[in-house]
């Protein structure tokens, strides 16, 4: 098959693009490199640097494409609070631009990476796709809005659409910016360098951590699965882990003494969030098999940033 992966030079996009190449597919990547690196992509990937609002560029890339993976997005909850207009422009506006370009070029399937963040605070756990979202940040709102756009436009123009709500994906090579870094690489860096792990809130808040290659397995399955049109599907591990337990696992695996600093003045986010993955099992044959302990060990083995300080 011939795929276009938007945001294909990012953390998740790179692993997906390289997997598709290894499976024998033709892969094109569009990325503005604001948070990605072209160097991680397989040499056979056709790369284009550009913006999702560049319709002529989208037309040229979508020629004879069988399926689009739409990963291009701004992804920081904290940053979205400061710059909500930018998150609306990229995450929502870019999605609408892609759907228009797909209509114009006759591409008939798109797989959209949404987020478990759309659920917000839910009274019961695990969260199911039928639960009413309660997004509590501009980032979460933008992802939920983009879901509505792809499904409504897809229905109008005969495009098959699938939205995967991905929970806390982690793995080797995940971005570690100076501000608003994802929790797993941020904590690992603090643990491996002997620094203090700063925990927002009480540390009892829980999340669903899912290893990147398990997420990619679900994405690959979504491209060929039948009966998934207009579906929203949770992609997580199905295992609830508190932030405190995450730090405990890192300490045990690394053999390091970990100093913890609690910052109760800053919110740790929703108290609980874990995915019900029964729909993913049923529709995609999804079977996440990399436990948090195994995933953390793989990061320490494969990510040179952490080997260098171990």
C-alpha atoms as a PDB file:
ATOM      1  CA  UNK A   1       0.000   0.000   0.000  1.00  0.00           C
ATOM      2  CA  UNK A   2       0.928   3.646  -0.331  1.00  0.00           C
ATOM      3  CA  UNK A   3       0.648   5.680   2.884  1.00  0.00           C
ATOM      4  CA  UNK A   4       0.962   9.327   3.838  1.00  0.00           C
ATOM      5  CA  UNK A   5       1.937   9.897   7.482  1.00  0.00           C
ATOM      6  CA  UNK A   6       1.452  13.480   8.652  1.00  0.00           C
ATOM      7  CA  UNK A   7       3.668  14.291  11.613  1.00  0.00           C
ATOM      8  CA  UNK A   8       5.676  11.267  10.533  1.00  0.00           C
ATOM      9  CA  UNK A   9       9.014  12.569  11.858  1.00  0.00           C
ATOM     10  CA  UNK A  10       7.758  12.824  15.442  1.00  0.00           C
ATOM     11  CA  UNK A  11       8.109  10.251  18.202  1.00  0.00           C
ATOM     12  CA  UNK A  12       5.162   8.047  17.290  1.00  0.00           C
ATOM     13  CA  UNK A  13       5.244   8.925  13.580  1.00  0.00           C
ATOM     14  CA  UNK A  14       8.844   7.782  13.157  1.00  0.00           C
ATOM     15  CA  UNK A  15       8.188   4.365  14.675  1.00  0.00           C
ATOM     16  CA  UNK A  16       5.033   3.982  12.574  1.00  0.00           C
ATOM     17  CA  UNK A  17       6.675   5.106   9.310  1.00  0.00           C
ATOM     18  CA  UNK A  18       9.632   2.781   9.782  1.00  0.00           C
ATOM     19  CA  UNK A  19       7.316  -0.115  10.633  1.00  0.00           C
ATOM     20  CA  UNK A  20       5.294   0.452   7.462  1.00  0.00           C
ATOM     21  CA  UNK A  21       8.485   0.460   5.399  1.00  0.00           C
ATOM     22  CA  UNK A  22       9.641  -2.775   7.031  1.00  0.00           C
ATOM     23  CA  UNK A  23       6.267  -4.311   6.139  1.00  0.00           C
ATOM     24  CA  UNK A  24       6.936  -3.517   2.475  1.00  0.00           C
ATOM     25  CA  UNK A  25       4.762  -0.435   2.012  1.00  0.00           C
ATOM     26  CA  UNK A  26       5.528   2.849   0.276  1.00  0.00           C
ATOM     27  CA  UNK A  27       5.611   5.692   2.798  1.00  0.00           C
ATOM     28  CA  UNK A  28       5.471   9.454   2.403  1.00  0.00           C
ATOM     29  CA  UNK A  29       5.930  11.732   5.405  1.00  0.00           C
ATOM     30  CA  UNK A  30       4.824  15.337   5.878  1.00  0.00           C
ATOM     31  CA  UNK A  31       6.257  17.132   8.903  1.00  0.00           C
ATOM     32  CA  UNK A  32       7.148  20.737   9.742  1.00  0.00           C
ATOM     33  CA  UNK A  33       9.975  19.501  12.027  1.00  0.00           C
ATOM     34  CA  UNK A  34       8.774  21.701  14.884  1.00  0.00           C
ATOM     35  CA  UNK A  35       9.002  18.683  17.165  1.00  0.00           C
ATOM     36  CA  UNK A  36      10.421  15.946  14.948  1.00  0.00           C
ATOM     37  CA  UNK A  37      13.691  14.783  13.424  1.00  0.00           C
ATOM     38  CA  UNK A  38      14.047  13.623   9.857  1.00  0.00           C
ATOM     39  CA  UNK A  39      17.197  11.636  10.672  1.00  0.00           C
ATOM     40  CA  UNK A  40      15.252   8.900  12.452  1.00  0.00           C
ATOM     41  CA  UNK A  41      13.313   7.906   9.338  1.00  0.00           C
ATOM     42  CA  UNK A  42      14.245   4.963   7.112  1.00  0.00           C
ATOM     43  CA  UNK A  43      16.105   6.101   3.969  1.00  0.00           C
ATOM     44  CA  UNK A  44      13.305   4.839   1.713  1.00  0.00           C
ATOM     45  CA  UNK A  45      10.727   7.172   3.275  1.00  0.00           C
ATOM     46  CA  UNK A  46       9.838  10.058   0.967  1.00  0.00           C
ATOM     47  CA  UNK A  47      10.017  13.139   3.178  1.00  0.00           C
ATOM     48  CA  UNK A  48       8.445  16.557   2.656  1.00  0.00           C
ATOM     49  CA  UNK A  49       8.831  19.477   5.042  1.00  0.00           C
ATOM     50  CA  UNK A  50       5.708  21.570   5.165  1.00  0.00           C
ATOM     51  CA  UNK A  51       2.584  22.783   6.903  1.00  0.00           C
ATOM     52  CA  UNK A  52      -0.838  21.142   7.049  1.00  0.00           C
ATOM     53  CA  UNK A  53      -2.398  24.292   5.617  1.00  0.00           C
ATOM     54  CA  UNK A  54      -0.409  23.979   2.379  1.00  0.00           C
ATOM     55  CA  UNK A  55      -3.184  22.520   0.229  1.00  0.00           C
ATOM     56  CA  UNK A  56      -1.163  22.303  -3.024  1.00  0.00           C
ATOM     57  CA  UNK A  57       1.534  20.359  -1.162  1.00  0.00           C
ATOM     58  CA  UNK A  58      -1.108  18.043   0.278  1.00  0.00           C
ATOM     59  CA  UNK A  59      -2.538  17.483  -3.213  1.00  0.00           C
ATOM     60  CA  UNK A  60       0.882  16.450  -4.521  1.00  0.00           C
ATOM     61  CA  UNK A  61       1.569  14.083  -1.613  1.00  0.00           C
ATOM     62  CA  UNK A  62      -1.874  12.476  -1.649  1.00  0.00           C
ATOM     63  CA  UNK A  63      -1.630  11.377  -5.285  1.00  0.00           C
ATOM     64  CA  UNK A  64      -2.469   7.645  -5.429  1.00  0.00           C
ATOM     65  CA  UNK A  65      -2.299   7.284  -1.636  1.00  0.00           C
ATOM     66  CA  UNK A  66      -4.377   4.414  -0.245  1.00  0.00           C
ATOM     67  CA  UNK A  67      -4.555   5.539   3.376  1.00  0.00           C
ATOM     68  CA  UNK A  68      -3.516   8.532   5.508  1.00  0.00           C
ATOM     69  CA  UNK A  69      -2.279   8.425   9.078  1.00  0.00           C
ATOM     70  CA  UNK A  70      -2.938  11.861  10.551  1.00  0.00           C
ATOM     71  CA  UNK A  71      -0.553  12.370  13.471  1.00  0.00           C
ATOM     72  CA  UNK A  72       0.505  15.998  12.884  1.00  0.00           C
ATOM     73  CA  UNK A  73      -0.455  18.036  15.952  1.00  0.00           C
ATOM     74  CA  UNK A  74       0.669  20.202  18.802  1.00  0.00           C
ATOM     75  CA  UNK A  75       0.683  17.872  21.820  1.00  0.00           C
ATOM     76  CA  UNK A  76       1.446  19.716  25.075  1.00  0.00           C
ATOM     77  CA  UNK A  77      -1.467  20.232  27.460  1.00  0.00           C
ATOM     78  CA  UNK A  78       0.412  22.931  29.404  1.00  0.00           C
ATOM     79  CA  UNK A  79       1.469  24.748  26.252  1.00  0.00           C
ATOM     80  CA  UNK A  80      -2.085  24.659  24.891  1.00  0.00           C
ATOM     81  CA  UNK A  81      -3.276  26.628  27.918  1.00  0.00           C
ATOM     82  CA  UNK A  82      -0.861  29.413  26.990  1.00  0.00           C
ATOM     83  CA  UNK A  83      -1.426  29.261  23.218  1.00  0.00           C
ATOM     84  CA  UNK A  84      -4.960  27.983  22.551  1.00  0.00           C
ATOM     85  CA  UNK A  85      -5.216  29.758  19.194  1.00  0.00           C
ATOM     86  CA  UNK A  86      -2.169  27.901  17.876  1.00  0.00           C
ATOM     87  CA  UNK A  87      -3.623  24.574  19.003  1.00  0.00           C
ATOM     88  CA  UNK A  88      -6.894  25.340  17.271  1.00  0.00           C
ATOM     89  CA  UNK A  89      -5.112  26.381  14.079  1.00  0.00           C
ATOM     90  CA  UNK A  90      -2.861  23.331  13.867  1.00  0.00           C
ATOM     91  CA  UNK A  91      -4.912  20.550  15.442  1.00  0.00           C
ATOM     92  CA  UNK A  92      -8.328  21.535  14.147  1.00  0.00           C
ATOM     93  CA  UNK A  93      -7.597  23.677  11.104  1.00  0.00           C
ATOM     94  CA  UNK A  94      -4.881  21.333   9.863  1.00  0.00           C
ATOM     95  CA  UNK A  95      -7.254  18.390  10.132  1.00  0.00           C
ATOM     96  CA  UNK A  96      -9.929  20.170   8.085  1.00  0.00           C
ATOM     97  CA  UNK A  97      -7.330  21.097   5.449  1.00  0.00           C
ATOM     98  CA  UNK A  98      -6.289  17.456   5.187  1.00  0.00           C
ATOM     99  CA  UNK A  99      -9.889  16.279   4.789  1.00  0.00           C
ATOM    100  CA  UNK A 100     -10.491  18.830   2.009  1.00  0.00           C
ATOM    101  CA  UNK A 101      -7.338  17.707   0.211  1.00  0.00           C
ATOM    102  CA  UNK A 102      -8.336  14.051   0.582  1.00  0.00           C
ATOM    103  CA  UNK A 103     -11.721  14.818  -0.938  1.00  0.00           C
ATOM    104  CA  UNK A 104     -10.053  16.578  -3.867  1.00  0.00           C
ATOM    105  CA  UNK A 105      -7.607  13.719  -4.536  1.00  0.00           C
ATOM    106  CA  UNK A 106      -9.960  10.802  -3.934  1.00  0.00           C
ATOM    107  CA  UNK A 107      -8.208   9.252  -0.916  1.00  0.00           C
ATOM    108  CA  UNK A 108     -10.699   7.069   0.892  1.00  0.00           C
ATOM    109  CA  UNK A 109      -9.373   6.245   4.392  1.00  0.00           C
ATOM    110  CA  UNK A 110      -7.829   8.277   7.221  1.00  0.00           C
ATOM    111  CA  UNK A 111      -6.689   7.062  10.622  1.00  0.00           C
ATOM    112  CA  UNK A 112      -6.597   9.896  13.144  1.00  0.00           C
ATOM    113  CA  UNK A 113      -4.565   9.825  16.359  1.00  0.00           C
ATOM    114  CA  UNK A 114      -6.740  11.388  19.014  1.00  0.00           C
ATOM    115  CA  UNK A 115      -6.009  11.329  22.735  1.00  0.00           C
ATOM    116  CA  UNK A 116      -7.297   9.853  25.965  1.00  0.00           C
ATOM    117  CA  UNK A 117      -7.136  13.427  27.252  1.00  0.00           C
ATOM    118  CA  UNK A 118     -10.536  14.092  25.646  1.00  0.00           C
ATOM    119  CA  UNK A 119     -12.218  12.208  28.515  1.00  0.00           C
ATOM    120  CA  UNK A 120     -11.095  14.614  31.240  1.00  0.00           C
ATOM    121  CA  UNK A 121     -12.532  13.889  34.674  1.00  0.00           C
ATOM    122  CA  UNK A 122     -14.766  10.811  34.553  1.00  0.00           C
ATOM    123  CA  UNK A 123     -16.766   9.446  37.520  1.00  0.00           C
ATOM    124  CA  UNK A 124     -15.946   5.806  36.725  1.00  0.00           C
ATOM    125  CA  UNK A 125     -12.881   3.983  35.431  1.00  0.00           C
ATOM    126  CA  UNK A 126     -11.827   2.524  33.093  1.00  0.00           C
ATOM    127  CA  UNK A 127     -13.183   4.957  30.519  1.00  0.00           C
ATOM    128  CA  UNK A 128     -15.172   3.578  27.601  1.00  0.00           C
ATOM    129  CA  UNK A 129     -15.655   5.131  24.167  1.00  0.00           C
ATOM    130  CA  UNK A 130     -19.348   5.665  24.950  1.00  0.00           C
ATOM    131  CA  UNK A 131     -18.507   7.893  27.932  1.00  0.00           C
ATOM    132  CA  UNK A 132     -19.196  11.561  27.270  1.00  0.00           C
ATOM    133  CA  UNK A 133     -15.901  13.460  26.903  1.00  0.00           C
ATOM    134  CA  UNK A 134     -15.197  16.282  29.332  1.00  0.00           C
ATOM    135  CA  UNK A 135     -12.056  17.929  27.912  1.00  0.00           C
ATOM    136  CA  UNK A 136     -10.332  20.238  30.383  1.00  0.00           C
ATOM    137  CA  UNK A 137      -7.622  21.859  28.223  1.00  0.00           C
ATOM    138  CA  UNK A 138      -7.437  23.492  24.793  1.00  0.00           C
ATOM    139  CA  UNK A 139      -5.339  20.505  23.661  1.00  0.00           C
ATOM    140  CA  UNK A 140      -8.081  18.052  24.651  1.00  0.00           C
ATOM    141  CA  UNK A 141     -10.752  20.263  23.071  1.00  0.00           C
ATOM    142  CA  UNK A 142      -8.761  20.423  19.831  1.00  0.00           C
ATOM    143  CA  UNK A 143      -8.471  16.641  19.650  1.00  0.00           C
ATOM    144  CA  UNK A 144     -12.170  16.107  20.318  1.00  0.00           C
ATOM    145  CA  UNK A 145     -13.076  18.778  17.773  1.00  0.00           C
ATOM    146  CA  UNK A 146     -10.834  17.169  15.164  1.00  0.00           C
ATOM    147  CA  UNK A 147     -12.580  13.832  15.775  1.00  0.00           C
ATOM    148  CA  UNK A 148     -15.946  15.450  15.023  1.00  0.00           C
ATOM    149  CA  UNK A 149     -14.593  17.049  11.863  1.00  0.00           C
ATOM    150  CA  UNK A 150     -13.078  13.899  10.394  1.00  0.00           C
ATOM    151  CA  UNK A 151     -16.203  11.853  11.035  1.00  0.00           C
ATOM    152  CA  UNK A 152     -18.708  14.449   9.828  1.00  0.00           C
ATOM    153  CA  UNK A 153     -16.684  15.384   6.733  1.00  0.00           C
ATOM    154  CA  UNK A 154     -15.957  11.734   6.072  1.00  0.00           C
ATOM    155  CA  UNK A 155     -19.670  10.939   6.087  1.00  0.00           C
ATOM    156  CA  UNK A 156     -20.394  13.827   3.712  1.00  0.00           C
ATOM    157  CA  UNK A 157     -17.670  12.937   1.211  1.00  0.00           C
ATOM    158  CA  UNK A 158     -17.484   9.156   1.429  1.00  0.00           C
ATOM    159  CA  UNK A 159     -14.152   8.923   3.271  1.00  0.00           C
ATOM    160  CA  UNK A 160     -13.609   6.100   5.763  1.00  0.00           C
ATOM    161  CA  UNK A 161     -12.536   7.523   9.131  1.00  0.00           C
ATOM    162  CA  UNK A 162     -11.139   5.936  12.283  1.00  0.00           C
ATOM    163  CA  UNK A 163     -10.099   7.809  15.438  1.00  0.00           C
ATOM    164  CA  UNK A 164      -7.742   6.104  17.885  1.00  0.00           C
ATOM    165  CA  UNK A 165      -7.745   7.699  21.340  1.00  0.00           C
ATOM    166  CA  UNK A 166      -4.180   7.061  22.442  1.00  0.00           C
ATOM    167  CA  UNK A 167      -3.398   7.237  26.137  1.00  0.00           C
ATOM    168  CA  UNK A 168       0.083   7.873  27.633  1.00  0.00           C
ATOM    169  CA  UNK A 169       2.387   6.506  24.930  1.00  0.00           C
ATOM    170  CA  UNK A 170       6.062   6.203  25.838  1.00  0.00           C
ATOM    171  CA  UNK A 171       9.234   4.587  24.533  1.00  0.00           C
ATOM    172  CA  UNK A 172      12.790   5.160  23.288  1.00  0.00           C
ATOM    173  CA  UNK A 173      13.387   8.418  21.467  1.00  0.00           C
ATOM    174  CA  UNK A 174      10.483  10.312  22.999  1.00  0.00           C
ATOM    175  CA  UNK A 175      10.986  14.066  22.912  1.00  0.00           C
ATOM    176  CA  UNK A 176      12.499  15.631  26.025  1.00  0.00           C
ATOM    177  CA  UNK A 177      12.082  19.404  25.648  1.00  0.00           C
ATOM    178  CA  UNK A 178      13.257  21.780  28.364  1.00  0.00           C
ATOM    179  CA  UNK A 179       9.686  22.662  29.272  1.00  0.00           C
ATOM    180  CA  UNK A 180       6.518  20.552  29.362  1.00  0.00           C
ATOM    181  CA  UNK A 181       8.332  17.258  28.732  1.00  0.00           C
ATOM    182  CA  UNK A 182       6.272  14.024  28.818  1.00  0.00           C
ATOM    183  CA  UNK A 183       6.280  12.388  32.222  1.00  0.00           C
ATOM    184  CA  UNK A 184       8.157   9.136  31.431  1.00  0.00           C
ATOM    185  CA  UNK A 185      11.321  10.582  29.834  1.00  0.00           C
ATOM    186  CA  UNK A 186      11.278  13.524  32.259  1.00  0.00           C
ATOM    187  CA  UNK A 187      11.183  11.265  35.309  1.00  0.00           C
ATOM    188  CA  UNK A 188      13.735   8.861  33.809  1.00  0.00           C
ATOM    189  CA  UNK A 189      16.184  11.675  33.194  1.00  0.00           C
ATOM    190  CA  UNK A 190      15.788  12.871  36.773  1.00  0.00           C
ATOM    191  CA  UNK A 191      16.223   9.348  38.131  1.00  0.00           C
ATOM    192  CA  UNK A 192      19.265   8.472  36.008  1.00  0.00           C
ATOM    193  CA  UNK A 193      21.099  11.743  36.689  1.00  0.00           C
ATOM    194  CA  UNK A 194      20.531  11.599  40.432  1.00  0.00           C
ATOM    195  CA  UNK A 195      18.273  14.618  40.454  1.00  0.00           C
ATOM    196  CA  UNK A 196      15.058  14.984  42.406  1.00  0.00           C
ATOM    197  CA  UNK A 197      11.871  13.736  40.790  1.00  0.00           C
ATOM    198  CA  UNK A 198       9.326  16.539  40.973  1.00  0.00           C
ATOM    199  CA  UNK A 199       5.807  15.168  41.400  1.00  0.00           C
ATOM    200  CA  UNK A 200       2.866  17.482  40.880  1.00  0.00           C
ATOM    201  CA  UNK A 201      -0.013  16.965  43.291  1.00  0.00           C
ATOM    202  CA  UNK A 202       0.027  13.990  45.648  1.00  0.00           C
ATOM    203  CA  UNK A 203       1.378  11.380  43.238  1.00  0.00           C
ATOM    204  CA  UNK A 204      -1.727   9.241  43.694  1.00  0.00           C
ATOM    205  CA  UNK A 205      -3.161  10.341  40.348  1.00  0.00           C
ATOM    206  CA  UNK A 206      -3.152   7.448  37.887  1.00  0.00           C
ATOM    207  CA  UNK A 207      -2.598   7.053  34.154  1.00  0.00           C
ATOM    208  CA  UNK A 208      -2.525   4.368  31.455  1.00  0.00           C
ATOM    209  CA  UNK A 209       1.023   4.018  30.072  1.00  0.00           C
ATOM    210  CA  UNK A 210       1.202   2.197  26.741  1.00  0.00           C
ATOM    211  CA  UNK A 211       4.440   1.283  24.963  1.00  0.00           C
ATOM    212  CA  UNK A 212       5.004   2.868  21.571  1.00  0.00           C
ATOM    213  CA  UNK A 213       5.266  -0.356  19.562  1.00  0.00           C
ATOM    214  CA  UNK A 214       1.962  -1.563  21.013  1.00  0.00           C
ATOM    215  CA  UNK A 215       0.399   1.685  19.780  1.00  0.00           C
ATOM    216  CA  UNK A 216       1.942   1.143  16.344  1.00  0.00           C
ATOM    217  CA  UNK A 217       0.518  -2.396  16.250  1.00  0.00           C
ATOM    218  CA  UNK A 218      -2.946  -0.851  16.674  1.00  0.00           C
ATOM    219  CA  UNK A 219      -2.311   1.780  14.009  1.00  0.00           C
ATOM    220  CA  UNK A 220      -1.152  -0.837  11.509  1.00  0.00           C
ATOM    221  CA  UNK A 221      -4.202  -2.992  12.226  1.00  0.00           C
ATOM    222  CA  UNK A 222      -6.533  -0.025  11.729  1.00  0.00           C
ATOM    223  CA  UNK A 223      -5.369   0.389   8.118  1.00  0.00           C
ATOM    224  CA  UNK A 224      -6.600  -3.032   7.078  1.00  0.00           C
ATOM    225  CA  UNK A 225      -9.407  -3.732   9.549  1.00  0.00           C
ATOM    226  CA  UNK A 226     -13.000  -3.977   8.346  1.00  0.00           C
ATOM    227  CA  UNK A 227     -15.989  -2.658  10.250  1.00  0.00           C
ATOM    228  CA  UNK A 228     -14.133   0.295  11.791  1.00  0.00           C
ATOM    229  CA  UNK A 229     -15.536   3.162   9.733  1.00  0.00           C
ATOM    230  CA  UNK A 230     -16.629   6.102  11.965  1.00  0.00           C
ATOM    231  CA  UNK A 231     -15.321   4.281  15.023  1.00  0.00           C
ATOM    232  CA  UNK A 232     -13.598   5.814  18.035  1.00  0.00           C
ATOM    233  CA  UNK A 233     -11.243   3.299  19.672  1.00  0.00           C
ATOM    234  CA  UNK A 234      -9.238   3.527  22.912  1.00  0.00           C
ATOM    235  CA  UNK A 235      -5.588   2.512  22.659  1.00  0.00           C
ATOM    236  CA  UNK A 236      -3.920   1.965  26.015  1.00  0.00           C
ATOM    237  CA  UNK A 237      -2.488  -0.814  28.125  1.00  0.00           C
ATOM    238  CA  UNK A 238      -5.671  -1.208  30.134  1.00  0.00           C
ATOM    239  CA  UNK A 239      -3.515  -1.053  33.281  1.00  0.00           C
ATOM    240  CA  UNK A 240      -3.888   1.753  35.812  1.00  0.00           C
ATOM    241  CA  UNK A 241      -0.598   3.042  37.277  1.00  0.00           C
ATOM    242  CA  UNK A 242      -0.212   5.833  39.801  1.00  0.00           C
ATOM    243  CA  UNK A 243       2.520   8.412  39.303  1.00  0.00           C
ATOM    244  CA  UNK A 244       4.024   7.262  42.600  1.00  0.00           C
ATOM    245  CA  UNK A 245       4.113   3.668  41.305  1.00  0.00           C
ATOM    246  CA  UNK A 246       5.737   4.839  38.084  1.00  0.00           C
ATOM    247  CA  UNK A 247       8.599   6.372  40.066  1.00  0.00           C
ATOM    248  CA  UNK A 248       8.871   3.223  42.192  1.00  0.00           C
ATOM    249  CA  UNK A 249       9.237   1.118  39.029  1.00  0.00           C
ATOM    250  CA  UNK A 250      11.954   3.407  37.682  1.00  0.00           C
ATOM    251  CA  UNK A 251      13.845   3.203  40.969  1.00  0.00           C
ATOM    252  CA  UNK A 252      13.627  -0.593  41.040  1.00  0.00           C
ATOM    253  CA  UNK A 253      14.721  -1.060  37.432  1.00  0.00           C
ATOM    254  CA  UNK A 254      17.565   1.444  37.565  1.00  0.00           C
ATOM    255  CA  UNK A 255      18.805   0.493  41.030  1.00  0.00           C
ATOM    256  CA  UNK A 256      18.992   4.197  41.872  1.00  0.00           C
ATOM    257  CA  UNK A 257      18.024   5.964  45.063  1.00  0.00           C
ATOM    258  CA  UNK A 258      15.312   8.415  44.112  1.00  0.00           C
ATOM    259  CA  UNK A 259      14.710  11.721  45.872  1.00  0.00           C
ATOM    260  CA  UNK A 260      11.120  12.926  45.497  1.00  0.00           C
ATOM    261  CA  UNK A 261       9.870  16.477  45.748  1.00  0.00           C
ATOM    262  CA  UNK A 262       6.125  17.049  45.874  1.00  0.00           C
ATOM    263  CA  UNK A 263       4.591  20.224  44.510  1.00  0.00           C
ATOM    264  CA  UNK A 264       1.001  20.339  45.824  1.00  0.00           C
ATOM    265  CA  UNK A 265       0.539  23.844  44.431  1.00  0.00           C
ATOM    266  CA  UNK A 266       0.546  22.544  40.866  1.00  0.00           C
ATOM    267  CA  UNK A 267      -2.207  20.243  39.695  1.00  0.00           C
ATOM    268  CA  UNK A 268      -1.339  16.701  38.715  1.00  0.00           C
ATOM    269  CA  UNK A 269      -4.306  16.627  36.352  1.00  0.00           C
ATOM    270  CA  UNK A 270      -7.371  14.391  36.571  1.00  0.00           C
ATOM    271  CA  UNK A 271      -7.296  11.955  39.521  1.00  0.00           C
ATOM    272  CA  UNK A 272      -7.645   8.795  37.416  1.00  0.00           C
ATOM    273  CA  UNK A 273      -7.521   7.874  33.735  1.00  0.00           C
ATOM    274  CA  UNK A 274      -7.260   4.336  32.371  1.00  0.00           C
ATOM    275  CA  UNK A 275      -8.600   2.900  29.129  1.00  0.00           C
ATOM    276  CA  UNK A 276     -11.191   0.239  28.552  1.00  0.00           C
ATOM    277  CA  UNK A 277      -9.583  -1.502  25.550  1.00  0.00           C
ATOM    278  CA  UNK A 278     -12.287  -4.097  24.877  1.00  0.00           C
ATOM    279  CA  UNK A 279     -13.327  -2.374  21.625  1.00  0.00           C
ATOM    280  CA  UNK A 280      -9.714  -2.333  20.392  1.00  0.00           C
ATOM    281  CA  UNK A 281      -9.407  -6.040  21.170  1.00  0.00           C
ATOM    282  CA  UNK A 282     -12.620  -6.789  19.292  1.00  0.00           C
ATOM    283  CA  UNK A 283     -12.157  -4.585  16.202  1.00  0.00           C
ATOM    284  CA  UNK A 284      -8.366  -4.511  15.832  1.00  0.00           C
ATOM    285  CA  UNK A 285      -7.252  -7.705  17.519  1.00  0.00           C
ATOM    286  CA  UNK A 286      -5.280  -5.403  19.821  1.00  0.00           C
ATOM    287  CA  UNK A 287      -3.161  -7.186  22.415  1.00  0.00           C
ATOM    288  CA  UNK A 288      -0.674  -4.950  24.257  1.00  0.00           C
ATOM    289  CA  UNK A 289       1.999  -7.226  25.658  1.00  0.00           C
ATOM    290  CA  UNK A 290       4.747  -4.889  26.835  1.00  0.00           C
ATOM    291  CA  UNK A 291       4.322  -4.261  30.546  1.00  0.00           C
ATOM    292  CA  UNK A 292       5.459  -0.988  32.093  1.00  0.00           C
ATOM    293  CA  UNK A 293       8.473  -2.721  33.631  1.00  0.00           C
ATOM    294  CA  UNK A 294       9.470  -4.228  30.286  1.00  0.00           C
ATOM    295  CA  UNK A 295       8.906  -0.924  28.499  1.00  0.00           C
ATOM    296  CA  UNK A 296      11.076   1.009  30.937  1.00  0.00           C
ATOM    297  CA  UNK A 297      13.851  -1.584  30.607  1.00  0.00           C
ATOM    298  CA  UNK A 298      13.695  -1.243  26.812  1.00  0.00           C
ATOM    299  CA  UNK A 299      14.112   2.528  27.075  1.00  0.00           C
ATOM    300  CA  UNK A 300      17.211   2.133  29.249  1.00  0.00           C
ATOM    301  CA  UNK A 301      18.621  -0.424  26.778  1.00  0.00           C
ATOM    302  CA  UNK A 302      17.792   1.375  23.539  1.00  0.00           C
ATOM    303  CA  UNK A 303      17.780   5.116  24.276  1.00  0.00           C
ATOM    304  CA  UNK A 304      21.355   6.418  24.288  1.00  0.00           C
ATOM    305  CA  UNK A 305      20.380   9.486  26.313  1.00  0.00           C
ATOM    306  CA  UNK A 306      19.762   7.296  29.345  1.00  0.00           C
ATOM    307  CA  UNK A 307      22.571   4.802  28.738  1.00  0.00           C
ATOM    308  CA  UNK A 308      25.009   7.722  28.788  1.00  0.00           C
ATOM    309  CA  UNK A 309      24.054   8.662  32.344  1.00  0.00           C
ATOM    310  CA  UNK A 310      23.458   5.190  33.777  1.00  0.00           C
END
